Amino acid sequence: MASSSSGIERIDLAPGLNIPRVVTGLWQVADIERGAGPIDPDEGATALAAYMVDGFDAFDMADHYGSAEVLAGRLRERLANGTLEVADQARLATFTKWCPEPGEMTREVVQIAVDRACKRLHTDRIDLLQFHWWMFEHPAWLDAMRELAKLREEGRIAQLGVTNVDTDHLRVLVAEGIPVATNQVCVSLLDRRATEEMSVFCQQHGIRLLAYGTLAGGFLSKRWLGAEEPDSVGDWSKMKYRRFVEAAGGWDVLQGILQALDTVARKHGVSISNVATRWVMQQPAVAAVIVGARLGEREHRGDNLRLCGFSLDDEDMATIGEALAIATRIPGDCGDEYRRPPFLTASGDLSHHLDQVPPVYQPAPIDHRTGRIRVDSGSVWEPICGYSRAVRVGDRILVSGTTATHSSGEMIGKGDPAAQAVYILDKIAASIRSLGGKMSEVVRTRIYLRNADDWEKVSRVHGHYFGQIRPANTLLEVSRLIGDYDVEIEAEAVVEPPPAR
């Protein structure tokens, strides 16, 4: 880790990719353009160049952040032709995200997405391509990651990252040998999920965290110190983070954290927001924080420069820690808000969006007289052996013993029982959903292990899926599983009737 001549700390995010520890986020471009129309590309490029002059030469965007990719591409073009100049040591780094709808992920589909991003960014190679997937029960996310890894080998992508991926699914990617450099997740004093199991796993496997939401939608700022709790908040971002405030213990807990931050801020002559963000920067797995910019409106480069002018010492950490001691842990793991109810994110309520995603498997009738229906996962053995992946009889859904077999036939997570369990439980979730049920309606699971010594690894994964559901469960060691599988799991759900109208 080093400092530039502007005083900004820098870090080698990956070989050949040195960046400032404060990355400029461009998600607000979409919000600006929603009311005013597209930003003029030259004006946008000039605004981005001003960030580069101050040493903030890494920008984070996505395919759905309005014209953010176009603006960054215009900046790169003008830097190349000399119509814009920045400091000699500045190097433009562009991070973007691909967030496709769940569906088939062929080479062609992935190639089109990467080509589109390269064209917008005016580059032959993307510095960091981050992949986001809405629901892991759809197995095509692994196909997409494999194709992206091939494009990385071919030089179209310098580094490959993911966004809002929990520890379990990072484990699957690592087990599959896919080179993940980063995971972009929410991290703040209110939301410390990423500082726990996620942080340990990332440090073990050389994955760096890019942290957003460090100010919890602005709640971790002087504006709210000593303020009365608002009756309502006006935008999705604050709605999301207010839910975090409530989950962490409520307004009094927030005020205790703000008072501690104010004490530390006065000591260092910085803002409460600086201290809140610096705390995130000093978490061991965090490479950089992402701070949003409203181009041409509110710019906080001066305040952001102060982030690299001080460090929190043991006394500061203890002061903050005392306030955090009474806070309640936000439940779950990183990214759960994108995949589990209530689906409330800074971009809106995803309930309707996710409900429209078609099921992974198509149900088919078994017996018209009894109304029994089934789903198949596409395995060649299902018709040969005469069984279904899952069957629904009335309000009961029974899922066959399931292994970590991908749609193309190969094993996922070979040699890693925990990774296999993750893939299996996603497959079970897809089967249940395809028959009109939910994982929350599971009442019984059975786990079969090749080696009983793997019980804790697999059971912890089971707990991540069912910790709040608590179905009846049996775990057995068996003398032999078919093939080289370490785990097989079956499940049963009872579908609750719809509420009376």
Protein backbone atom coordinates (compact mmCIF):
# COMPACT_ATOMS: atom_id res chain seq x y z
CA MET A 1 0.00 0.00 0.00
CA ALA A 2 1.34 3.41 -0.96
CA SER A 3 0.33 7.07 -1.28
CA SER A 4 0.32 9.11 -4.47
CA SER A 5 1.59 12.68 -4.79
CA SER A 6 -1.99 13.82 -4.15
CA GLY A 7 -1.90 12.06 -0.77
CA ILE A 8 -4.38 9.36 -1.75
CA GLU A 9 -3.59 5.86 -0.58
CA ARG A 10 -3.23 3.37 -3.41
CA ILE A 11 -3.27 -0.38 -3.52
CA ASP A 12 -2.47 -3.17 -5.98
CA LEU A 13 -5.95 -4.58 -6.42
CA ALA A 14 -4.48 -7.27 -8.66
CA PRO A 15 -1.28 -7.65 -10.68
CA GLY A 16 -1.05 -4.68 -13.02
CA LEU A 17 -4.05 -2.91 -11.49
CA ASN A 18 -2.99 -0.21 -9.03
CA ILE A 19 -5.91 1.92 -7.83
CA PRO A 20 -6.76 4.58 -5.24
CA ARG A 21 -8.41 3.21 -2.11
CA VAL A 22 -11.33 5.54 -2.79
CA VAL A 23 -13.08 4.53 -6.01
CA THR A 24 -15.62 6.90 -7.55
CA GLY A 25 -19.02 5.27 -8.02
CA LEU A 26 -21.22 6.35 -10.92
CA TRP A 27 -24.55 4.74 -9.96
CA GLN A 28 -26.13 8.18 -9.56
CA VAL A 29 -25.71 8.90 -13.27
CA ALA A 30 -28.89 6.89 -13.84
CA ASP A 31 -30.76 8.96 -11.26
CA ILE A 32 -29.56 12.26 -12.75
CA GLU A 33 -30.54 11.18 -16.25
CA ARG A 34 -33.93 9.93 -15.15
CA GLY A 35 -35.06 13.52 -14.67
CA ALA A 36 -32.82 15.51 -17.00
CA GLY A 37 -32.05 13.16 -19.88
CA PRO A 38 -28.63 11.83 -20.91
CA ILE A 39 -25.56 13.73 -19.72
CA ASP A 40 -23.59 15.30 -22.55
CA PRO A 41 -20.63 12.91 -23.08
CA ASP A 42 -18.03 15.71 -23.28
CA GLU A 43 -19.36 17.43 -20.16
CA GLY A 44 -19.41 14.10 -18.36
CA ALA A 45 -15.86 13.31 -19.45
CA THR A 46 -14.67 16.71 -18.21
CA ALA A 47 -16.32 16.10 -14.84
CA LEU A 48 -14.63 12.70 -14.54
CA ALA A 49 -11.28 14.21 -15.50
CA ALA A 50 -11.55 16.56 -12.53
CA TYR A 51 -11.63 13.50 -10.27
CA MET A 52 -8.54 12.13 -11.98
CA VAL A 53 -6.69 15.42 -11.43
CA ASP A 54 -7.23 14.96 -7.69
CA GLY A 55 -5.98 11.37 -7.82
CA PHE A 56 -9.35 9.58 -8.00
CA ASP A 57 -8.63 7.75 -11.24
CA ALA A 58 -10.74 4.59 -10.76
CA PHE A 59 -14.44 4.61 -11.61
CA ASP A 60 -17.08 1.99 -10.83
CA MET A 61 -20.15 1.64 -13.05
CA ALA A 62 -22.54 -0.93 -14.54
CA ASP A 63 -24.46 -1.72 -17.67
CA HIS A 64 -27.60 -0.21 -16.09
CA TYR A 65 -26.10 2.97 -14.58
CA GLY A 66 -27.53 5.18 -17.30
CA SER A 67 -24.81 6.36 -19.69
CA ALA A 68 -21.98 5.92 -17.16
CA GLU A 69 -20.04 3.54 -19.42
CA VAL A 70 -20.40 5.96 -22.33
CA LEU A 71 -19.07 8.86 -20.24
CA ALA A 72 -16.06 6.81 -19.11
CA GLY A 73 -15.45 5.78 -22.70
CA ARG A 74 -15.53 9.37 -23.86
CA LEU A 75 -13.04 10.25 -21.12
CA ARG A 76 -10.68 7.51 -22.30
CA GLU A 77 -11.03 8.70 -25.90
CA ARG A 78 -10.26 12.32 -25.02
CA LEU A 79 -7.29 11.35 -22.87
CA ALA A 80 -5.93 9.39 -25.82
CA ASN A 81 -6.38 12.21 -28.35
CA GLY A 82 -5.03 14.87 -25.98
CA THR A 83 -8.16 17.02 -25.68
CA LEU A 84 -8.17 16.32 -21.93
CA GLU A 85 -5.09 16.20 -19.73
CA VAL A 86 -4.60 14.92 -16.19
CA ALA A 87 -1.63 14.38 -13.90
CA ASP A 88 1.16 12.28 -15.40
CA GLN A 89 0.87 9.54 -12.80
CA ALA A 90 -2.89 9.15 -13.22
CA ARG A 91 -4.09 6.01 -14.95
CA LEU A 92 -7.74 5.60 -15.83
CA ALA A 93 -9.19 2.38 -14.40
CA THR A 94 -12.74 1.46 -15.31
CA PHE A 95 -14.73 -1.16 -13.39
CA THR A 96 -18.08 -2.18 -14.78
CA LYS A 97 -20.75 -4.75 -13.99
CA TRP A 98 -22.80 -7.09 -16.09
CA CYS A 99 -26.19 -7.84 -14.53
CA PRO A 100 -28.11 -10.13 -16.92
CA GLU A 101 -31.54 -11.62 -16.38
CA PRO A 102 -31.30 -15.30 -15.37
CA GLY A 103 -31.35 -17.45 -18.48
CA GLU A 104 -29.14 -19.52 -20.73
CA MET A 105 -25.55 -18.25 -20.65
CA THR A 106 -23.89 -19.37 -23.85
CA ARG A 107 -20.55 -18.21 -25.22
CA GLU A 108 -22.43 -15.95 -27.62
CA VAL A 109 -24.57 -14.33 -24.91
CA VAL A 110 -21.52 -13.57 -22.76
CA GLN A 111 -19.43 -12.39 -25.70
CA ILE A 112 -22.13 -9.92 -26.80
CA ALA A 113 -22.30 -8.42 -23.30
CA VAL A 114 -18.52 -7.98 -23.04
CA ASP A 115 -18.28 -6.54 -26.57
CA ARG A 116 -21.01 -4.03 -25.73
CA ALA A 117 -19.19 -2.90 -22.57
CA CYS A 118 -15.87 -2.61 -24.44
CA LYS A 119 -17.50 -0.48 -27.13
CA ARG A 120 -19.07 1.86 -24.59
CA LEU A 121 -15.85 2.10 -22.57
CA HIS A 122 -13.81 2.67 -25.73
CA THR A 123 -11.36 -0.09 -24.86
CA ASP A 124 -10.22 -3.50 -26.05
CA ARG A 125 -9.90 -4.81 -22.50
CA ILE A 126 -12.02 -4.15 -19.42
CA ASP A 127 -9.95 -3.50 -16.30
CA LEU A 128 -12.44 -5.22 -13.97
CA LEU A 129 -15.62 -6.93 -15.11
CA GLN A 130 -17.91 -7.67 -12.17
CA PHE A 131 -20.71 -10.21 -12.56
CA HIS A 132 -24.03 -10.00 -10.71
CA TRP A 133 -26.63 -12.80 -10.69
CA TRP A 134 -30.12 -12.40 -9.31
CA MET A 135 -30.87 -15.93 -8.12
CA PHE A 136 -28.35 -18.69 -7.54
CA GLU A 137 -30.97 -21.41 -7.87
CA HIS A 138 -30.60 -20.80 -11.61
CA PRO A 139 -27.38 -22.72 -12.38
CA ALA A 140 -26.46 -20.77 -15.53
CA TRP A 141 -24.50 -18.30 -13.37
CA LEU A 142 -21.64 -20.82 -13.40
CA ASP A 143 -21.79 -21.06 -17.18
CA ALA A 144 -21.51 -17.27 -17.38
CA MET A 145 -18.54 -17.19 -15.00
CA ARG A 146 -16.77 -19.92 -16.94
CA GLU A 147 -17.21 -18.02 -20.21
CA LEU A 148 -16.02 -14.79 -18.58
CA ALA A 149 -12.95 -16.64 -17.29
CA LYS A 150 -12.20 -17.77 -20.86
CA LEU A 151 -12.48 -14.17 -22.08
CA ARG A 152 -10.06 -13.18 -19.33
CA GLU A 153 -7.59 -15.75 -20.64
CA GLU A 154 -8.08 -14.31 -24.13
CA GLY A 155 -7.26 -10.80 -22.89
CA ARG A 156 -10.70 -9.19 -23.20
CA ILE A 157 -10.94 -8.83 -19.43
CA ALA A 158 -7.99 -7.99 -17.20
CA GLN A 159 -9.59 -9.03 -13.91
CA LEU A 160 -12.83 -10.78 -13.05
CA GLY A 161 -14.97 -9.85 -10.06
CA VAL A 162 -18.45 -10.42 -8.65
CA THR A 163 -20.98 -8.30 -6.81
CA ASN A 164 -23.16 -9.14 -3.82
CA VAL A 165 -22.04 -12.77 -3.74
CA ASP A 166 -22.24 -14.49 -0.36
CA THR A 167 -19.49 -16.63 1.14
CA ASP A 168 -21.11 -19.90 0.14
CA HIS A 169 -21.17 -19.04 -3.54
CA LEU A 170 -17.67 -17.59 -3.48
CA ARG A 171 -16.70 -21.02 -2.19
CA VAL A 172 -18.26 -22.63 -5.27
CA LEU A 173 -16.31 -20.31 -7.58
CA VAL A 174 -13.04 -21.03 -5.80
CA ALA A 175 -13.72 -24.78 -5.87
CA GLU A 176 -14.32 -24.51 -9.62
CA GLY A 177 -11.01 -22.72 -10.13
CA ILE A 178 -12.56 -19.50 -11.46
CA PRO A 179 -10.14 -16.59 -10.80
CA VAL A 180 -12.15 -14.06 -8.78
CA ALA A 181 -10.18 -10.94 -7.86
CA THR A 182 -12.91 -8.96 -6.08
CA ASN A 183 -16.35 -9.07 -4.51
CA GLN A 184 -18.27 -5.81 -4.29
CA VAL A 185 -20.46 -5.82 -1.17
CA CYS A 186 -22.16 -3.51 1.29
CA VAL A 187 -20.01 -2.73 4.35
CA SER A 188 -20.64 -0.18 7.09
CA LEU A 189 -20.71 0.17 10.85
CA LEU A 190 -24.38 -0.82 10.66
CA ASP A 191 -23.85 -3.68 8.23
CA ARG A 192 -20.80 -5.66 9.29
CA ARG A 193 -21.69 -8.95 7.61
CA ALA A 194 -18.66 -8.78 5.29
CA THR A 195 -16.22 -8.40 8.19
CA GLU A 196 -17.00 -11.88 9.52
CA GLU A 197 -16.91 -15.22 7.67
CA MET A 198 -16.71 -13.42 4.32
CA SER A 199 -13.56 -11.56 5.36
CA VAL A 200 -11.83 -14.72 6.60
CA PHE A 201 -12.64 -16.62 3.40
CA CYS A 202 -11.50 -13.77 1.15
CA GLN A 203 -8.18 -13.41 2.95
CA GLN A 204 -7.59 -17.15 2.67
CA HIS A 205 -8.18 -17.10 -1.08
CA GLY A 206 -6.77 -13.74 -2.16
CA ILE A 207 -10.11 -12.10 -2.93
CA ARG A 208 -10.39 -8.38 -2.18
CA LEU A 209 -13.56 -6.59 -1.10
CA LEU A 210 -14.80 -3.41 -2.75
CA ALA A 211 -17.08 -1.79 -0.19
CA TYR A 212 -20.12 0.33 -0.95
CA GLY A 213 -22.77 1.74 1.38
CA THR A 214 -20.11 2.83 3.88
CA LEU A 215 -22.29 5.72 5.08
CA ALA A 216 -25.50 3.66 5.16
CA GLY A 217 -27.33 5.95 2.78
CA GLY A 218 -26.12 9.04 4.65
CA PHE A 219 -27.33 7.96 8.11
CA LEU A 220 -23.70 7.78 9.29
CA SER A 221 -23.16 11.54 8.98
CA LYS A 222 -23.36 14.67 11.11
CA ARG A 223 -26.79 15.47 9.72
CA TRP A 224 -28.37 12.76 11.86
CA LEU A 225 -26.35 13.28 15.07
CA GLY A 226 -28.87 14.20 17.77
CA ALA A 227 -31.71 14.36 15.25
CA GLU A 228 -35.19 13.05 15.87
CA GLU A 229 -36.09 9.86 14.08
CA PRO A 230 -37.85 10.79 10.82
CA ASP A 231 -41.42 9.63 10.22
CA SER A 232 -40.50 8.71 6.66
CA VAL A 233 -37.60 8.88 4.21
CA GLY A 234 -37.93 9.89 0.61
CA ASP A 235 -35.82 7.55 -1.51
CA TRP A 236 -35.09 3.85 -1.93
CA SER A 237 -31.53 4.19 -0.65
CA LYS A 238 -32.61 5.63 2.69
CA MET A 239 -35.48 3.15 2.87
CA LYS A 240 -32.98 0.31 2.52
CA TYR A 241 -30.55 1.65 5.08
CA ARG A 242 -33.28 2.67 7.50
CA ARG A 243 -34.24 -1.00 7.55
CA PHE A 244 -30.62 -1.68 8.49
CA VAL A 245 -30.89 0.89 11.29
CA GLU A 246 -33.99 -0.89 12.61
CA ALA A 247 -32.38 -4.32 12.30
CA ALA A 248 -29.29 -3.10 14.16
CA GLY A 249 -31.34 -2.03 17.16
CA GLY A 250 -33.13 1.16 16.19
CA TRP A 251 -32.60 4.89 16.37
CA ASP A 252 -31.01 4.90 19.83
CA VAL A 253 -28.34 2.47 18.66
CA LEU A 254 -27.64 4.69 15.64
CA GLN A 255 -27.30 7.71 17.92
CA GLY A 256 -24.81 5.85 20.10
CA ILE A 257 -22.70 5.03 17.05
CA LEU A 258 -22.87 8.62 15.80
CA GLN A 259 -21.78 9.96 19.21
CA ALA A 260 -18.78 7.63 19.21
CA LEU A 261 -17.91 8.69 15.66
CA ASP A 262 -18.22 12.33 16.66
CA THR A 263 -15.75 11.81 19.53
CA VAL A 264 -13.20 10.24 17.18
CA ALA A 265 -13.84 12.83 14.45
CA ARG A 266 -13.13 15.72 16.83
CA LYS A 267 -9.88 14.08 17.89
CA HIS A 268 -8.64 13.90 14.29
CA GLY A 269 -10.24 17.08 12.98
CA VAL A 270 -12.29 15.26 10.36
CA SER A 271 -15.97 14.58 9.72
CA ILE A 272 -18.17 11.86 11.17
CA SER A 273 -18.52 10.50 7.64
CA ASN A 274 -14.73 10.35 7.31
CA VAL A 275 -14.45 8.23 10.44
CA ALA A 276 -17.27 5.89 9.37
CA THR A 277 -15.63 5.35 5.98
CA ARG A 278 -12.12 5.04 7.43
CA TRP A 279 -13.36 2.27 9.73
CA VAL A 280 -14.41 0.32 6.64
CA MET A 281 -11.09 1.03 4.89
CA GLN A 282 -9.21 -0.47 7.82
CA GLN A 283 -11.04 -3.80 7.68
CA PRO A 284 -8.40 -6.32 6.59
CA ALA A 285 -10.16 -7.73 3.52
CA VAL A 286 -11.26 -4.34 2.15
CA ALA A 287 -9.13 -3.06 -0.72
CA ALA A 288 -11.11 0.09 -1.47
CA VAL A 289 -14.34 1.92 -0.70
CA ILE A 290 -16.69 3.16 -3.40
CA VAL A 291 -18.00 6.68 -2.88
CA GLY A 292 -20.76 7.90 -5.17
CA ALA A 293 -20.56 11.07 -7.23
CA ARG A 294 -23.34 13.26 -8.63
CA LEU A 295 -21.50 14.69 -11.62
CA GLY A 296 -21.95 18.42 -12.01
CA GLU A 297 -23.98 18.67 -8.80
CA ARG A 298 -22.52 17.65 -5.43
CA GLU A 299 -18.85 16.71 -5.38
CA HIS A 300 -17.01 15.65 -2.24
CA ARG A 301 -13.47 15.20 -3.46
CA GLY A 302 -12.05 17.50 -0.80
CA ASP A 303 -13.75 15.57 1.99
CA ASN A 304 -12.72 12.26 0.42
CA LEU A 305 -9.08 13.38 0.35
CA ARG A 306 -9.20 13.58 4.15
CA LEU A 307 -9.83 9.83 4.31
CA CYS A 308 -6.17 9.21 3.55
CA GLY A 309 -4.85 11.81 5.97
CA PHE A 310 -5.50 9.91 9.20
CA SER A 311 -5.82 6.42 10.63
CA LEU A 312 -7.91 5.01 13.44
CA ASP A 313 -5.76 3.82 16.32
CA ASP A 314 -6.55 1.23 18.98
CA GLU A 315 -8.20 3.86 21.18
CA ASP A 316 -10.44 4.96 18.32
CA MET A 317 -11.41 1.39 17.51
CA ALA A 318 -12.22 0.76 21.17
CA THR A 319 -14.44 3.86 21.33
CA ILE A 320 -16.34 2.75 18.25
CA GLY A 321 -16.41 -0.84 19.46
CA GLU A 322 -18.19 0.12 22.68
CA ALA A 323 -21.00 1.68 20.67
CA LEU A 324 -21.20 -1.36 18.38
CA ALA A 325 -21.36 -3.76 21.32
CA ILE A 326 -25.04 -3.02 21.90
CA ALA A 327 -25.96 -3.16 18.21
CA THR A 328 -27.69 -6.23 16.80
CA ARG A 329 -25.98 -8.08 13.98
CA ILE A 330 -27.65 -7.71 10.59
CA PRO A 331 -28.79 -11.28 9.83
CA GLY A 332 -27.61 -13.34 6.89
CA ASP A 333 -24.67 -12.86 4.56
CA CYS A 334 -23.70 -10.29 1.96
CA GLY A 335 -26.19 -9.82 -0.87
CA ASP A 336 -29.13 -11.48 0.88
CA GLU A 337 -31.21 -8.34 0.30
CA TYR A 338 -31.00 -9.07 -3.43
CA ARG A 339 -32.24 -12.66 -3.14
CA ARG A 340 -34.36 -13.02 0.00
CA PRO A 341 -37.47 -11.16 1.16
CA PRO A 342 -38.12 -8.27 1.60
CA PHE A 343 -35.86 -7.62 -1.43
CA LEU A 344 -35.42 -3.95 -0.52
CA THR A 345 -32.31 -2.44 -2.14
CA ALA A 346 -31.04 1.05 -2.87
CA SER A 347 -32.46 0.64 -6.39
CA GLY A 348 -35.96 -0.27 -5.25
CA ASP A 349 -38.14 -3.17 -4.18
CA LEU A 350 -37.16 -6.25 -6.20
CA SER A 351 -40.17 -8.40 -5.21
CA HIS A 352 -42.07 -7.85 -8.45
CA HIS A 353 -38.93 -8.15 -10.56
CA LEU A 354 -37.90 -11.47 -9.05
CA ASP A 355 -41.43 -12.88 -9.13
CA GLN A 356 -41.38 -12.44 -12.91
CA VAL A 357 -38.27 -14.60 -13.37
CA PRO A 358 -39.49 -17.91 -14.85
CA PRO A 359 -38.81 -21.13 -12.92
CA VAL A 360 -35.65 -23.03 -13.76
CA TYR A 361 -37.48 -26.30 -14.49
CA GLN A 362 -40.80 -26.71 -16.31
CA PRO A 363 -43.43 -28.78 -14.46
CA ALA A 364 -45.13 -31.65 -16.29
CA PRO A 365 -48.11 -33.79 -15.27
CA ILE A 366 -47.61 -37.35 -14.07
CA ASP A 367 -51.25 -38.27 -13.48
CA HIS A 368 -54.10 -36.01 -14.58
CA ARG A 369 -56.57 -37.81 -12.32
CA THR A 370 -54.64 -37.15 -9.11
CA GLY A 371 -53.07 -33.85 -10.19
CA ARG A 372 -49.55 -35.09 -9.50
CA ILE A 373 -46.88 -33.06 -11.29
CA ARG A 374 -43.12 -33.38 -11.56
CA VAL A 375 -40.00 -31.56 -12.71
CA ASP A 376 -36.84 -32.92 -14.30
CA SER A 377 -33.44 -31.24 -14.09
CA GLY A 378 -32.29 -32.54 -17.48
CA SER A 379 -30.14 -35.38 -16.17
CA VAL A 380 -29.80 -38.28 -18.61
CA TRP A 381 -30.46 -40.66 -15.71
CA GLU A 382 -33.92 -39.35 -14.85
CA PRO A 383 -35.70 -41.06 -17.79
CA ILE A 384 -33.36 -44.07 -17.77
CA CYS A 385 -33.88 -44.81 -14.08
CA GLY A 386 -37.50 -43.65 -14.05
CA TYR A 387 -37.45 -40.93 -11.42
CA SER A 388 -38.15 -37.20 -11.21
CA ARG A 389 -36.04 -34.48 -9.68
CA ALA A 390 -39.11 -33.55 -7.63
CA VAL A 391 -42.79 -34.47 -7.44
CA ARG A 392 -45.73 -32.50 -6.10
CA VAL A 393 -48.72 -34.36 -4.67
CA GLY A 394 -51.35 -31.99 -3.34
CA ASP A 395 -49.58 -29.64 -0.95
CA ARG A 396 -46.47 -31.87 -0.62
CA ILE A 397 -43.30 -31.49 -2.68
CA LEU A 398 -40.76 -34.31 -2.45
CA VAL A 399 -37.27 -33.74 -3.87
CA SER A 400 -35.17 -36.76 -4.83
CA GLY A 401 -31.69 -37.30 -3.48
CA THR A 402 -29.70 -34.57 -5.20
CA THR A 403 -26.00 -34.33 -6.00
CA ALA A 404 -23.88 -31.45 -7.27
CA THR A 405 -24.30 -32.38 -10.92
CA HIS A 406 -24.35 -29.47 -13.35
CA SER A 407 -26.65 -29.34 -16.34
CA SER A 408 -23.78 -30.38 -18.60
CA GLY A 409 -23.21 -33.50 -16.48
CA GLU A 410 -20.03 -32.70 -14.56
CA MET A 411 -19.63 -32.50 -10.81
CA ILE A 412 -19.49 -29.07 -9.19
CA GLY A 413 -17.12 -28.58 -6.25
CA LYS A 414 -15.17 -31.80 -6.60
CA GLY A 415 -13.26 -32.45 -3.40
CA ASP A 416 -15.09 -29.69 -1.48
CA PRO A 417 -18.14 -31.07 0.39
CA ALA A 418 -19.28 -27.59 1.44
CA ALA A 419 -19.24 -26.27 -2.14
CA GLN A 420 -21.17 -29.36 -3.26
CA ALA A 421 -23.77 -28.72 -0.55
CA VAL A 422 -24.25 -25.13 -1.76
CA TYR A 423 -24.88 -26.25 -5.33
CA ILE A 424 -27.20 -29.04 -4.18
CA LEU A 425 -29.34 -26.76 -2.03
CA ASP A 426 -29.64 -24.27 -4.88
CA LYS A 427 -30.80 -27.14 -7.10
CA ILE A 428 -33.33 -28.20 -4.47
CA ALA A 429 -34.56 -24.60 -4.20
CA ALA A 430 -35.03 -24.47 -7.97
CA SER A 431 -37.01 -27.73 -7.91
CA ILE A 432 -39.30 -26.58 -5.12
CA ARG A 433 -39.90 -23.17 -6.70
CA SER A 434 -40.66 -24.76 -10.07
CA LEU A 435 -43.47 -26.71 -8.37
CA GLY A 436 -44.94 -23.64 -6.70
CA GLY A 437 -43.22 -23.87 -3.32
CA LYS A 438 -40.59 -21.98 -1.36
CA MET A 439 -37.55 -23.01 0.64
CA SER A 440 -39.25 -21.55 3.71
CA GLU A 441 -41.85 -24.34 3.35
CA VAL A 442 -39.30 -27.17 3.68
CA VAL A 443 -40.18 -29.41 6.63
CA ARG A 444 -37.65 -32.24 6.24
CA THR A 445 -34.13 -32.72 4.88
CA ARG A 446 -31.83 -35.72 4.82
CA ILE A 447 -28.08 -35.44 4.24
CA TYR A 448 -25.94 -38.38 3.14
CA LEU A 449 -22.16 -38.07 3.55
CA ARG A 450 -19.39 -40.21 2.15
CA ASN A 451 -17.27 -39.23 5.17
CA ALA A 452 -18.84 -38.31 8.52
CA ASP A 453 -15.84 -36.06 9.25
CA ASP A 454 -17.37 -33.59 6.77
CA TRP A 455 -20.49 -33.17 8.90
CA GLU A 456 -19.66 -29.68 10.21
CA LYS A 457 -18.70 -28.14 6.85
CA VAL A 458 -21.89 -29.39 5.25
CA SER A 459 -24.07 -28.66 8.28
CA ARG A 460 -22.93 -25.04 8.36
CA VAL A 461 -24.01 -24.62 4.75
CA HIS A 462 -27.35 -26.25 5.63
CA GLY A 463 -27.64 -23.74 8.47
CA HIS A 464 -27.09 -20.80 6.10
CA TYR A 465 -30.10 -21.93 4.06
CA PHE A 466 -32.34 -23.18 6.86
CA GLY A 467 -31.22 -21.35 10.00
CA GLN A 468 -34.52 -19.48 10.25
CA ILE A 469 -36.64 -22.30 8.82
CA ARG A 470 -35.39 -25.17 11.02
CA PRO A 471 -36.81 -28.25 9.25
CA ALA A 472 -36.49 -31.74 10.67
CA ASN A 473 -33.14 -33.13 9.56
CA THR A 474 -31.23 -36.41 9.51
CA LEU A 475 -27.51 -36.66 8.68
CA LEU A 476 -25.99 -40.01 7.82
CA GLU A 477 -22.66 -41.44 6.77
CA VAL A 478 -23.14 -44.04 4.04
CA SER A 479 -20.62 -46.61 2.94
CA ARG A 480 -20.66 -45.42 -0.64
CA LEU A 481 -22.22 -42.70 -2.80
CA ILE A 482 -22.54 -43.14 -6.53
CA GLY A 483 -19.59 -41.59 -8.34
CA ASP A 484 -17.09 -39.38 -6.52
CA TYR A 485 -19.69 -37.26 -4.76
CA ASP A 486 -19.15 -36.36 -1.12
CA VAL A 487 -22.74 -35.26 -0.40
CA GLU A 488 -26.30 -36.10 -1.41
CA ILE A 489 -29.36 -34.30 -0.01
CA GLU A 490 -33.10 -34.84 -0.28
CA ALA A 491 -35.91 -32.60 0.94
CA GLU A 492 -39.64 -32.37 1.50
CA ALA A 493 -41.81 -29.26 1.62
CA VAL A 494 -45.42 -28.64 2.55
CA VAL A 495 -46.85 -25.76 0.53
CA GLU A 496 -48.88 -23.34 2.58
CA PRO A 497 -52.29 -22.37 1.14
CA PRO A 498 -52.60 -18.80 -0.18
CA PRO A 499 -54.07 -16.30 2.30
CA ALA A 500 -57.85 -15.96 2.19
CA ARG A 501 -59.12 -12.83 0.42
